[in-house]
Amino acid sequence: MNLLRVVPVLFALGVVVACSKTESTSAPAAAEVPADAEVVTLAIEGMTCGGCEGTVRGLLEAAAGVVRVDAVNHETKRATLVVKKGTDKAALCAVVKDGYTATVAP
């Protein structure tokens, strides 16, 4: 067997396998949310692309009371985050600016 023919094929297969793995963006399981925190979902208007997602994520990550931002999706117009209990949700919505608007999703 010619090794020079096999190695590129194996490499190509490895790249395909590596690229086919996807990261889960589902909401965290209850066990992953600290006892002093809660999950909040915001409806975000104005996002049209992945760049918008990054901007909104950065605004939310810098907000007071945010433990972590689990997902921001321009297609569903939603952001899911974990915040400390008692965090002012109106204040969370207020940090989303620069052409975006946020409301607490039902």
PDB file of N, CA and C in Angstrom:
ATOM      1  N   MET A   1       0.843  -1.167   0.000  1.00  0.00           N
ATOM      2  CA  MET A   1       0.000   0.000   0.000  1.00  0.00           C
ATOM      3  C   MET A   1       0.893   1.237   0.000  1.00  0.00           C
ATOM      4  N   ASN A   2       0.537   2.204  -0.807  1.00  0.00           N
ATOM      5  CA  ASN A   2       1.312   3.423  -0.924  1.00  0.00           C
ATOM      6  C   ASN A   2       0.893   4.398   0.179  1.00  0.00           C
ATOM      7  N   LEU A   3       1.797   4.634   1.118  1.00  0.00           N
ATOM      8  CA  LEU A   3       1.500   5.489   2.265  1.00  0.00           C
ATOM      9  C   LEU A   3       1.199   6.927   1.843  1.00  0.00           C
ATOM     10  N   LEU A   4       1.814   7.384   0.763  1.00  0.00           N
ATOM     11  CA  LEU A   4       1.575   8.744   0.292  1.00  0.00           C
ATOM     12  C   LEU A   4       0.139   8.935  -0.189  1.00  0.00           C
ATOM     13  N   ARG A   5      -0.538   7.864  -0.560  1.00  0.00           N
ATOM     14  CA  ARG A   5      -1.939   7.962  -0.967  1.00  0.00           C
ATOM     15  C   ARG A   5      -2.879   7.841   0.230  1.00  0.00           C
ATOM     16  N   VAL A   6      -2.484   7.108   1.248  1.00  0.00           N
ATOM     17  CA  VAL A   6      -3.344   6.856   2.401  1.00  0.00           C
ATOM     18  C   VAL A   6      -3.369   8.051   3.352  1.00  0.00           C
ATOM     19  N   VAL A   7      -2.229   8.663   3.616  1.00  0.00           N
ATOM     20  CA  VAL A   7      -2.144   9.745   4.591  1.00  0.00           C
ATOM     21  C   VAL A   7      -3.062  10.917   4.238  1.00  0.00           C
ATOM     22  N   PRO A   8      -3.087  11.413   3.003  1.00  0.00           N
ATOM     23  CA  PRO A   8      -4.008  12.512   2.710  1.00  0.00           C
ATOM     24  C   PRO A   8      -5.471  12.135   2.919  1.00  0.00           C
ATOM     25  N   VAL A   9      -5.818  10.888   2.619  1.00  0.00           N
ATOM     26  CA  VAL A   9      -7.199  10.444   2.821  1.00  0.00           C
ATOM     27  C   VAL A   9      -7.524  10.420   4.312  1.00  0.00           C
ATOM     28  N   LEU A  10      -6.623   9.892   5.123  1.00  0.00           N
ATOM     29  CA  LEU A  10      -6.849   9.864   6.560  1.00  0.00           C
ATOM     30  C   LEU A  10      -6.941  11.274   7.130  1.00  0.00           C
ATOM     31  N   PHE A  11      -6.100  12.141   6.660  1.00  0.00           N
ATOM     32  CA  PHE A  11      -6.134  13.533   7.100  1.00  0.00           C
ATOM     33  C   PHE A  11      -7.473  14.161   6.750  1.00  0.00           C
ATOM     34  N   ALA A  12      -7.915  13.959   5.520  1.00  0.00           N
ATOM     35  CA  ALA A  12      -9.199  14.517   5.087  1.00  0.00           C
ATOM     36  C   ALA A  12     -10.336  13.968   5.936  1.00  0.00           C
ATOM     37  N   LEU A  13     -10.312  12.690   6.254  1.00  0.00           N
ATOM     38  CA  LEU A  13     -11.352  12.101   7.092  1.00  0.00           C
ATOM     39  C   LEU A  13     -11.321  12.690   8.494  1.00  0.00           C
ATOM     40  N   GLY A  14     -10.146  12.915   9.012  1.00  0.00           N
ATOM     41  CA  GLY A  14     -10.016  13.518  10.337  1.00  0.00           C
ATOM     42  C   GLY A  14     -10.572  14.917  10.377  1.00  0.00           C
ATOM     43  N   VAL A  15     -10.346  15.685   9.337  1.00  0.00           N
ATOM     44  CA  VAL A  15     -10.868  17.044   9.272  1.00  0.00           C
ATOM     45  C   VAL A  15     -12.383  17.013   9.188  1.00  0.00           C
ATOM     46  N   VAL A  16     -12.920  16.113   8.390  1.00  0.00           N
ATOM     47  CA  VAL A  16     -14.367  16.005   8.263  1.00  0.00           C
ATOM     48  C   VAL A  16     -14.981  15.630   9.602  1.00  0.00           C
ATOM     49  N   VAL A  17     -14.385  14.687  10.297  1.00  0.00           N
ATOM     50  CA  VAL A  17     -14.897  14.281  11.600  1.00  0.00           C
ATOM     51  C   VAL A  17     -14.797  15.437  12.581  1.00  0.00           C
ATOM     52  N   ALA A  18     -13.669  16.125  12.607  1.00  0.00           N
ATOM     53  CA  ALA A  18     -13.491  17.237  13.536  1.00  0.00           C
ATOM     54  C   ALA A  18     -14.468  18.358  13.247  1.00  0.00           C
ATOM     55  N   CYS A  19     -14.741  18.631  11.992  1.00  0.00           N
ATOM     56  CA  CYS A  19     -15.635  19.725  11.633  1.00  0.00           C
ATOM     57  C   CYS A  19     -17.098  19.369  11.811  1.00  0.00           C
ATOM     58  N   SER A  20     -17.403  18.090  11.894  1.00  0.00           N
ATOM     59  CA  SER A  20     -18.804  17.705  11.999  1.00  0.00           C
ATOM     60  C   SER A  20     -19.319  17.751  13.425  1.00  0.00           C
ATOM     61  N   LYS A  21     -18.438  17.919  14.394  1.00  0.00           N
ATOM     62  CA  LYS A  21     -18.867  18.011  15.783  1.00  0.00           C
ATOM     63  C   LYS A  21     -19.495  19.376  16.014  1.00  0.00           C
ATOM     64  N   THR A  22     -20.630  19.396  16.702  1.00  0.00           N
ATOM     65  CA  THR A  22     -21.295  20.658  16.986  1.00  0.00           C
ATOM     66  C   THR A  22     -21.431  20.831  18.487  1.00  0.00           C
ATOM     67  N   GLU A  23     -21.458  22.065  18.901  1.00  0.00           N
ATOM     68  CA  GLU A  23     -21.579  22.385  20.310  1.00  0.00           C
ATOM     69  C   GLU A  23     -23.049  22.576  20.648  1.00  0.00           C
ATOM     70  N   SER A  24     -23.472  22.032  21.748  1.00  0.00           N
ATOM     71  CA  SER A  24     -24.860  22.152  22.174  1.00  0.00           C
ATOM     72  C   SER A  24     -25.129  23.560  22.671  1.00  0.00           C
ATOM     73  N   THR A  25     -26.256  24.130  22.274  1.00  0.00           N
ATOM     74  CA  THR A  25     -26.646  25.449  22.750  1.00  0.00           C
ATOM     75  C   THR A  25     -27.925  25.377  23.562  1.00  0.00           C
ATOM     76  N   SER A  26     -28.251  24.192  24.058  1.00  0.00           N
ATOM     77  CA  SER A  26     -29.470  24.050  24.842  1.00  0.00           C
ATOM     78  C   SER A  26     -29.296  24.709  26.208  1.00  0.00           C
ATOM     79  N   ALA A  27     -30.409  24.975  26.848  1.00  0.00           N
ATOM     80  CA  ALA A  27     -30.380  25.590  28.166  1.00  0.00           C
ATOM     81  C   ALA A  27     -29.734  24.634  29.166  1.00  0.00           C
ATOM     82  N   PRO A  28     -29.125  25.176  30.201  1.00  0.00           N
ATOM     83  CA  PRO A  28     -28.444  24.319  31.166  1.00  0.00           C
ATOM     84  C   PRO A  28     -29.434  23.472  31.952  1.00  0.00           C
ATOM     85  N   ALA A  29     -28.986  22.328  32.396  1.00  0.00           N
ATOM     86  CA  ALA A  29     -29.813  21.488  33.257  1.00  0.00           C
ATOM     87  C   ALA A  29     -29.922  22.168  34.613  1.00  0.00           C
ATOM     88  N   ALA A  30     -30.985  21.868  35.332  1.00  0.00           N
ATOM     89  CA  ALA A  30     -31.221  22.507  36.624  1.00  0.00           C
ATOM     90  C   ALA A  30     -30.035  22.334  37.560  1.00  0.00           C
ATOM     91  N   ALA A  31     -29.349  21.206  37.483  1.00  0.00           N
ATOM     92  CA  ALA A  31     -28.207  20.954  38.348  1.00  0.00           C
ATOM     93  C   ALA A  31     -27.050  21.902  38.056  1.00  0.00           C
ATOM     94  N   GLU A  32     -27.003  22.464  36.866  1.00  0.00           N
ATOM     95  CA  GLU A  32     -25.915  23.345  36.487  1.00  0.00           C
ATOM     96  C   GLU A  32     -26.163  24.793  36.887  1.00  0.00           C
ATOM     97  N   VAL A  33     -27.358  25.100  37.361  1.00  0.00           N
ATOM     98  CA  VAL A  33     -27.687  26.461  37.786  1.00  0.00           C
ATOM     99  C   VAL A  33     -27.467  26.528  39.299  1.00  0.00           C
ATOM    100  N   PRO A  34     -26.587  27.415  39.748  1.00  0.00           N
ATOM    101  CA  PRO A  34     -26.336  27.523  41.184  1.00  0.00           C
ATOM    102  C   PRO A  34     -27.630  27.816  41.954  1.00  0.00           C
ATOM    103  N   ALA A  35     -27.671  27.424  43.211  1.00  0.00           N
ATOM    104  CA  ALA A  35     -28.862  27.606  44.037  1.00  0.00           C
ATOM    105  C   ALA A  35     -29.250  29.076  44.174  1.00  0.00           C
ATOM    106  N   ASP A  36     -28.269  29.961  44.108  1.00  0.00           N
ATOM    107  CA  ASP A  36     -28.553  31.385  44.264  1.00  0.00           C
ATOM    108  C   ASP A  36     -28.745  32.095  42.929  1.00  0.00           C
ATOM    109  N   ALA A  37     -29.072  31.316  41.885  1.00  0.00           N
ATOM    110  CA  ALA A  37     -29.218  31.887  40.540  1.00  0.00           C
ATOM    111  C   ALA A  37     -30.486  31.369  39.881  1.00  0.00           C
ATOM    112  N   GLU A  38     -30.830  31.981  38.757  1.00  0.00           N
ATOM    113  CA  GLU A  38     -31.999  31.575  37.979  1.00  0.00           C
ATOM    114  C   GLU A  38     -31.724  31.785  36.492  1.00  0.00           C
ATOM    115  N   VAL A  39     -32.465  31.063  35.671  1.00  0.00           N
ATOM    116  CA  VAL A  39     -32.342  31.195  34.219  1.00  0.00           C
ATOM    117  C   VAL A  39     -33.329  32.257  33.748  1.00  0.00           C
ATOM    118  N   VAL A  40     -32.847  33.170  32.912  1.00  0.00           N
ATOM    119  CA  VAL A  40     -33.688  34.217  32.338  1.00  0.00           C
ATOM    120  C   VAL A  40     -33.560  34.140  30.822  1.00  0.00           C
ATOM    121  N   THR A  41     -34.685  34.253  30.141  1.00  0.00           N
ATOM    122  CA  THR A  41     -34.675  34.305  28.684  1.00  0.00           C
ATOM    123  C   THR A  41     -35.157  35.680  28.258  1.00  0.00           C
ATOM    124  N   LEU A  42     -34.378  36.314  27.396  1.00  0.00           N
ATOM    125  CA  LEU A  42     -34.743  37.621  26.866  1.00  0.00           C
ATOM    126  C   LEU A  42     -35.102  37.497  25.402  1.00  0.00           C
ATOM    127  N   ALA A  43     -36.100  38.242  24.975  1.00  0.00           N
ATOM    128  CA  ALA A  43     -36.425  38.381  23.556  1.00  0.00           C
ATOM    129  C   ALA A  43     -35.644  39.599  23.074  1.00  0.00           C
ATOM    130  N   ILE A  44     -34.837  39.409  22.036  1.00  0.00           N
ATOM    131  CA  ILE A  44     -33.969  40.475  21.534  1.00  0.00           C
ATOM    132  C   ILE A  44     -34.388  40.831  20.112  1.00  0.00           C
ATOM    133  N   GLU A  45     -34.693  42.074  19.878  1.00  0.00           N
ATOM    134  CA  GLU A  45     -35.032  42.553  18.533  1.00  0.00           C
ATOM    135  C   GLU A  45     -33.844  43.312  17.946  1.00  0.00           C
ATOM    136  N   GLY A  46     -33.665  43.185  16.648  1.00  0.00           N
ATOM    137  CA  GLY A  46     -32.621  43.926  15.952  1.00  0.00           C
ATOM    138  C   GLY A  46     -31.419  43.104  15.548  1.00  0.00           C
ATOM    139  N   MET A  47     -31.310  41.858  16.010  1.00  0.00           N
ATOM    140  CA  MET A  47     -30.174  41.010  15.629  1.00  0.00           C
ATOM    141  C   MET A  47     -30.442  40.407  14.258  1.00  0.00           C
ATOM    142  N   THR A  48     -29.426  40.458  13.390  1.00  0.00           N
ATOM    143  CA  THR A  48     -29.579  39.903  12.044  1.00  0.00           C
ATOM    144  C   THR A  48     -28.479  38.920  11.648  1.00  0.00           C
ATOM    145  N   CYS A  49     -27.437  38.789  12.492  1.00  0.00           N
ATOM    146  CA  CYS A  49     -26.312  37.941  12.094  1.00  0.00           C
ATOM    147  C   CYS A  49     -25.509  37.502  13.320  1.00  0.00           C
ATOM    148  N   GLY A  50     -24.502  36.699  13.074  1.00  0.00           N
ATOM    149  CA  GLY A  50     -23.625  36.238  14.139  1.00  0.00           C
ATOM    150  C   GLY A  50     -22.874  37.379  14.820  1.00  0.00           C
ATOM    151  N   GLY A  51     -22.557  38.401  14.065  1.00  0.00           N
ATOM    152  CA  GLY A  51     -21.884  39.558  14.651  1.00  0.00           C
ATOM    153  C   GLY A  51     -22.776  40.250  15.673  1.00  0.00           C
ATOM    154  N   CYS A  52     -24.054  40.325  15.359  1.00  0.00           N
ATOM    155  CA  CYS A  52     -25.026  40.891  16.303  1.00  0.00           C
ATOM    156  C   CYS A  52     -25.069  40.049  17.576  1.00  0.00           C
ATOM    157  N   GLU A  53     -25.047  38.743  17.410  1.00  0.00           N
ATOM    158  CA  GLU A  53     -25.053  37.844  18.562  1.00  0.00           C
ATOM    159  C   GLU A  53     -23.869  38.152  19.473  1.00  0.00           C
ATOM    160  N   GLY A  54     -22.695  38.346  18.889  1.00  0.00           N
ATOM    161  CA  GLY A  54     -21.501  38.638  19.667  1.00  0.00           C
ATOM    162  C   GLY A  54     -21.606  39.956  20.407  1.00  0.00           C
ATOM    163  N   THR A  55     -22.173  40.957  19.754  1.00  0.00           N
ATOM    164  CA  THR A  55     -22.352  42.260  20.399  1.00  0.00           C
ATOM    165  C   THR A  55     -23.289  42.151  21.584  1.00  0.00           C
ATOM    166  N   VAL A  56     -24.429  41.503  21.376  1.00  0.00           N
ATOM    167  CA  VAL A  56     -25.409  41.351  22.452  1.00  0.00           C
ATOM    168  C   VAL A  56     -24.829  40.508  23.586  1.00  0.00           C
ATOM    169  N   ARG A  57     -24.122  39.445  23.241  1.00  0.00           N
ATOM    170  CA  ARG A  57     -23.489  38.593  24.263  1.00  0.00           C
ATOM    171  C   ARG A  57     -22.540  39.432  25.123  1.00  0.00           C
ATOM    172  N   GLY A  58     -21.722  40.253  24.497  1.00  0.00           N
ATOM    173  CA  GLY A  58     -20.780  41.091  25.238  1.00  0.00           C
ATOM    174  C   GLY A  58     -21.482  42.069  26.172  1.00  0.00           C
ATOM    175  N   LEU A  59     -22.567  42.669  25.703  1.00  0.00           N
ATOM    176  CA  LEU A  59     -23.331  43.589  26.548  1.00  0.00           C
ATOM    177  C   LEU A  59     -23.909  42.864  27.758  1.00  0.00           C
ATOM    178  N   LEU A  60     -24.456  41.672  27.530  1.00  0.00           N
ATOM    179  CA  LEU A  60     -25.061  40.914  28.624  1.00  0.00           C
ATOM    180  C   LEU A  60     -24.015  40.384  29.601  1.00  0.00           C
ATOM    181  N   GLU A  61     -22.887  39.913  29.092  1.00  0.00           N
ATOM    182  CA  GLU A  61     -21.837  39.383  29.970  1.00  0.00           C
ATOM    183  C   GLU A  61     -21.298  40.448  30.919  1.00  0.00           C
ATOM    184  N   ALA A  62     -21.331  41.708  30.490  1.00  0.00           N
ATOM    185  CA  ALA A  62     -20.817  42.801  31.316  1.00  0.00           C
ATOM    186  C   ALA A  62     -21.853  43.334  32.303  1.00  0.00           C
ATOM    187  N   ALA A  63     -23.088  42.867  32.213  1.00  0.00           N
ATOM    188  CA  ALA A  63     -24.164  43.383  33.059  1.00  0.00           C
ATOM    189  C   ALA A  63     -24.043  42.872  34.493  1.00  0.00           C
ATOM    190  N   ALA A  64     -24.445  43.717  35.425  1.00  0.00           N
ATOM    191  CA  ALA A  64     -24.434  43.344  36.839  1.00  0.00           C
ATOM    192  C   ALA A  64     -25.397  42.189  37.090  1.00  0.00           C
ATOM    193  N   GLY A  65     -24.944  41.215  37.849  1.00  0.00           N
ATOM    194  CA  GLY A  65     -25.783  40.094  38.228  1.00  0.00           C
ATOM    195  C   GLY A  65     -25.720  38.897  37.301  1.00  0.00           C
ATOM    196  N   VAL A  66     -25.090  39.043  36.142  1.00  0.00           N
ATOM    197  CA  VAL A  66     -25.031  37.940  35.188  1.00  0.00           C
ATOM    198  C   VAL A  66     -23.943  36.959  35.609  1.00  0.00           C
ATOM    199  N   VAL A  67     -24.340  35.698  35.773  1.00  0.00           N
ATOM    200  CA  VAL A  67     -23.396  34.634  36.104  1.00  0.00           C
ATOM    201  C   VAL A  67     -22.760  34.132  34.813  1.00  0.00           C
ATOM    202  N   ARG A  68     -23.602  33.862  33.801  1.00  0.00           N
ATOM    203  CA  ARG A  68     -23.098  33.455  32.485  1.00  0.00           C
ATOM    204  C   ARG A  68     -24.189  33.631  31.446  1.00  0.00           C
ATOM    205  N   VAL A  69     -23.752  33.779  30.199  1.00  0.00           N
ATOM    206  CA  VAL A  69     -24.666  33.839  29.061  1.00  0.00           C
ATOM    207  C   VAL A  69     -24.559  32.496  28.358  1.00  0.00           C
ATOM    208  N   ASP A  70     -25.651  31.743  28.345  1.00  0.00           N
ATOM    209  CA  ASP A  70     -25.628  30.403  27.758  1.00  0.00           C
ATOM    210  C   ASP A  70     -25.854  30.419  26.257  1.00  0.00           C
ATOM    211  N   ALA A  71     -26.700  31.298  25.760  1.00  0.00           N
ATOM    212  CA  ALA A  71     -26.987  31.311  24.322  1.00  0.00           C
ATOM    213  C   ALA A  71     -27.507  32.671  23.900  1.00  0.00           C
ATOM    214  N   VAL A  72     -27.096  33.086  22.708  1.00  0.00           N
ATOM    215  CA  VAL A  72     -27.661  34.250  22.041  1.00  0.00           C
ATOM    216  C   VAL A  72     -27.852  33.811  20.603  1.00  0.00           C
ATOM    217  N   ASN A  73     -29.074  33.938  20.074  1.00  0.00           N
ATOM    218  CA  ASN A  73     -29.372  33.429  18.743  1.00  0.00           C
ATOM    219  C   ASN A  73     -30.174  34.457  17.960  1.00  0.00           C
ATOM    220  N   HIS A  74     -29.601  34.920  16.849  1.00  0.00           N
ATOM    221  CA  HIS A  74     -30.297  35.932  16.053  1.00  0.00           C
ATOM    222  C   HIS A  74     -31.496  35.353  15.301  1.00  0.00           C
ATOM    223  N   GLU A  75     -31.489  34.056  15.027  1.00  0.00           N
ATOM    224  CA  GLU A  75     -32.607  33.450  14.302  1.00  0.00           C
ATOM    225  C   GLU A  75     -33.847  33.322  15.176  1.00  0.00           C
ATOM    226  N   THR A  76     -33.664  32.934  16.425  1.00  0.00           N
ATOM    227  CA  THR A  76     -34.802  32.808  17.343  1.00  0.00           C
ATOM    228  C   THR A  76     -35.078  34.111  18.084  1.00  0.00           C
ATOM    229  N   LYS A  77     -34.146  35.057  17.962  1.00  0.00           N
ATOM    230  CA  LYS A  77     -34.242  36.352  18.640  1.00  0.00           C
ATOM    231  C   LYS A  77     -34.343  36.175  20.148  1.00  0.00           C
ATOM    232  N   ARG A  78     -33.517  35.277  20.674  1.00  0.00           N
ATOM    233  CA  ARG A  78     -33.530  34.961  22.098  1.00  0.00           C
ATOM    234  C   ARG A  78     -32.117  34.965  22.678  1.00  0.00           C
ATOM    235  N   ALA A  79     -32.052  35.283  23.944  1.00  0.00           N
ATOM    236  CA  ALA A  79     -30.820  35.150  24.719  1.00  0.00           C
ATOM    237  C   ALA A  79     -31.193  34.436  26.008  1.00  0.00           C
ATOM    238  N   THR A  80     -30.429  33.429  26.367  1.00  0.00           N
ATOM    239  CA  THR A  80     -30.652  32.686  27.596  1.00  0.00           C
ATOM    240  C   THR A  80     -29.444  32.893  28.488  1.00  0.00           C
ATOM    241  N   LEU A  81     -29.687  33.333  29.715  1.00  0.00           N
ATOM    242  CA  LEU A  81     -28.587  33.601  30.615  1.00  0.00           C
ATOM    243  C   LEU A  81     -28.937  33.160  32.030  1.00  0.00           C
ATOM    244  N   VAL A  82     -27.923  32.979  32.821  1.00  0.00           N
ATOM    245  CA  VAL A  82     -28.077  32.644  34.228  1.00  0.00           C
ATOM    246  C   VAL A  82     -27.672  33.882  35.010  1.00  0.00           C
ATOM    247  N   VAL A  83     -28.567  34.307  35.891  1.00  0.00           N
ATOM    248  CA  VAL A  83     -28.321  35.513  36.691  1.00  0.00           C
ATOM    249  C   VAL A  83     -28.510  35.190  38.165  1.00  0.00           C
ATOM    250  N   LYS A  84     -27.907  36.012  39.010  1.00  0.00           N
ATOM    251  CA  LYS A  84     -28.108  35.872  40.450  1.00  0.00           C
ATOM    252  C   LYS A  84     -29.568  36.194  40.761  1.00  0.00           C
ATOM    253  N   LYS A  85     -30.156  35.436  41.684  1.00  0.00           N
ATOM    254  CA  LYS A  85     -31.541  35.708  42.086  1.00  0.00           C
ATOM    255  C   LYS A  85     -31.642  37.135  42.600  1.00  0.00           C
ATOM    256  N   GLY A  86     -32.712  37.803  42.220  1.00  0.00           N
ATOM    257  CA  GLY A  86     -32.912  39.184  42.627  1.00  0.00           C
ATOM    258  C   GLY A  86     -32.355  40.199  41.651  1.00  0.00           C
ATOM    259  N   THR A  87     -31.713  39.735  40.577  1.00  0.00           N
ATOM    260  CA  THR A  87     -31.179  40.662  39.572  1.00  0.00           C
ATOM    261  C   THR A  87     -32.328  41.398  38.903  1.00  0.00           C
ATOM    262  N   ASP A  88     -32.185  42.690  38.762  1.00  0.00           N
ATOM    263  CA  ASP A  88     -33.213  43.530  38.143  1.00  0.00           C
ATOM    264  C   ASP A  88     -33.288  43.221  36.644  1.00  0.00           C
ATOM    265  N   LYS A  89     -34.370  42.599  36.236  1.00  0.00           N
ATOM    266  CA  LYS A  89     -34.515  42.193  34.835  1.00  0.00           C
ATOM    267  C   LYS A  89     -34.700  43.390  33.905  1.00  0.00           C
ATOM    268  N   ALA A  90     -35.291  44.464  34.399  1.00  0.00           N
ATOM    269  CA  ALA A  90     -35.417  45.682  33.592  1.00  0.00           C
ATOM    270  C   ALA A  90     -34.029  46.267  33.317  1.00  0.00           C
ATOM    271  N   ALA A  91     -33.146  46.176  34.309  1.00  0.00           N
ATOM    272  CA  ALA A  91     -31.768  46.656  34.127  1.00  0.00           C
ATOM    273  C   ALA A  91     -31.033  45.791  33.109  1.00  0.00           C
ATOM    274  N   LEU A  92     -31.293  44.476  33.120  1.00  0.00           N
ATOM    275  CA  LEU A  92     -30.691  43.590  32.112  1.00  0.00           C
ATOM    276  C   LEU A  92     -31.125  44.013  30.714  1.00  0.00           C
ATOM    277  N   CYS A  93     -32.418  44.276  30.569  1.00  0.00           N
ATOM    278  CA  CYS A  93     -32.937  44.687  29.258  1.00  0.00           C
ATOM    279  C   CYS A  93     -32.334  46.026  28.834  1.00  0.00           C
ATOM    280  N   ALA A  94     -32.091  46.903  29.805  1.00  0.00           N
ATOM    281  CA  ALA A  94     -31.564  48.239  29.500  1.00  0.00           C
ATOM    282  C   ALA A  94     -30.132  48.204  28.982  1.00  0.00           C
ATOM    283  N   VAL A  95     -29.342  47.171  29.347  1.00  0.00           N
ATOM    284  CA  VAL A  95     -27.953  47.125  28.876  1.00  0.00           C
ATOM    285  C   VAL A  95     -27.882  46.723  27.402  1.00  0.00           C
ATOM    286  N   VAL A  96     -28.951  46.139  26.885  1.00  0.00           N
ATOM    287  CA  VAL A  96     -28.994  45.761  25.465  1.00  0.00           C
ATOM    288  C   VAL A  96     -29.369  47.020  24.695  1.00  0.00           C
ATOM    289  N   LYS A  97     -28.399  47.580  23.984  1.00  0.00           N
ATOM    290  CA  LYS A  97     -28.589  48.850  23.295  1.00  0.00           C
ATOM    291  C   LYS A  97     -27.898  48.816  21.946  1.00  0.00           C
ATOM    292  N   ASP A  98     -27.549  49.933  21.411  1.00  0.00           N
ATOM    293  CA  ASP A  98     -26.847  50.020  20.128  1.00  0.00           C
ATOM    294  C   ASP A  98     -27.661  49.445  18.975  1.00  0.00           C
ATOM    295  N   GLY A  99     -28.961  49.746  18.957  1.00  0.00           N
ATOM    296  CA  GLY A  99     -29.814  49.270  17.874  1.00  0.00           C
ATOM    297  C   GLY A  99     -30.573  48.000  18.196  1.00  0.00           C
ATOM    298  N   TYR A 100     -30.355  47.442  19.375  1.00  0.00           N
ATOM    299  CA  TYR A 100     -31.062  46.238  19.802  1.00  0.00           C
ATOM    300  C   TYR A 100     -31.975  46.602  20.946  1.00  0.00           C
ATOM    301  N   THR A 101     -33.074  45.876  21.077  1.00  0.00           N
ATOM    302  CA  THR A 101     -33.957  46.076  22.217  1.00  0.00           C
ATOM    303  C   THR A 101     -34.253  44.711  22.835  1.00  0.00           C
ATOM    304  N   ALA A 102     -34.419  44.707  24.144  1.00  0.00           N
ATOM    305  CA  ALA A 102     -34.660  43.453  24.854  1.00  0.00           C
ATOM    306  C   ALA A 102     -35.858  43.576  25.771  1.00  0.00           C
ATOM    307  N   THR A 103     -36.590  42.474  25.882  1.00  0.00           N
ATOM    308  CA  THR A 103     -37.675  42.345  26.839  1.00  0.00           C
ATOM    309  C   THR A 103     -37.559  40.953  27.464  1.00  0.00           C
ATOM    310  N   VAL A 104     -38.103  40.806  28.657  1.00  0.00           N
ATOM    311  CA  VAL A 104     -38.091  39.494  29.301  1.00  0.00           C
ATOM    312  C   VAL A 104     -39.099  38.626  28.552  1.00  0.00           C
ATOM    313  N   ALA A 105     -38.630  37.478  28.089  1.00  0.00           N
ATOM    314  CA  ALA A 105     -39.498  36.556  27.345  1.00  0.00           C
ATOM    315  C   ALA A 105     -40.381  35.796  28.322  1.00  0.00           C
ATOM    316  N   PRO A 106     -41.604  35.510  27.900  1.00  0.00           N
ATOM    317  CA  PRO A 106     -42.511  34.749  28.782  1.00  0.00           C
ATOM    318  C   PRO A 106     -42.053  33.321  28.966  1.00  0.00           C
TER     319      PRO A 106
END
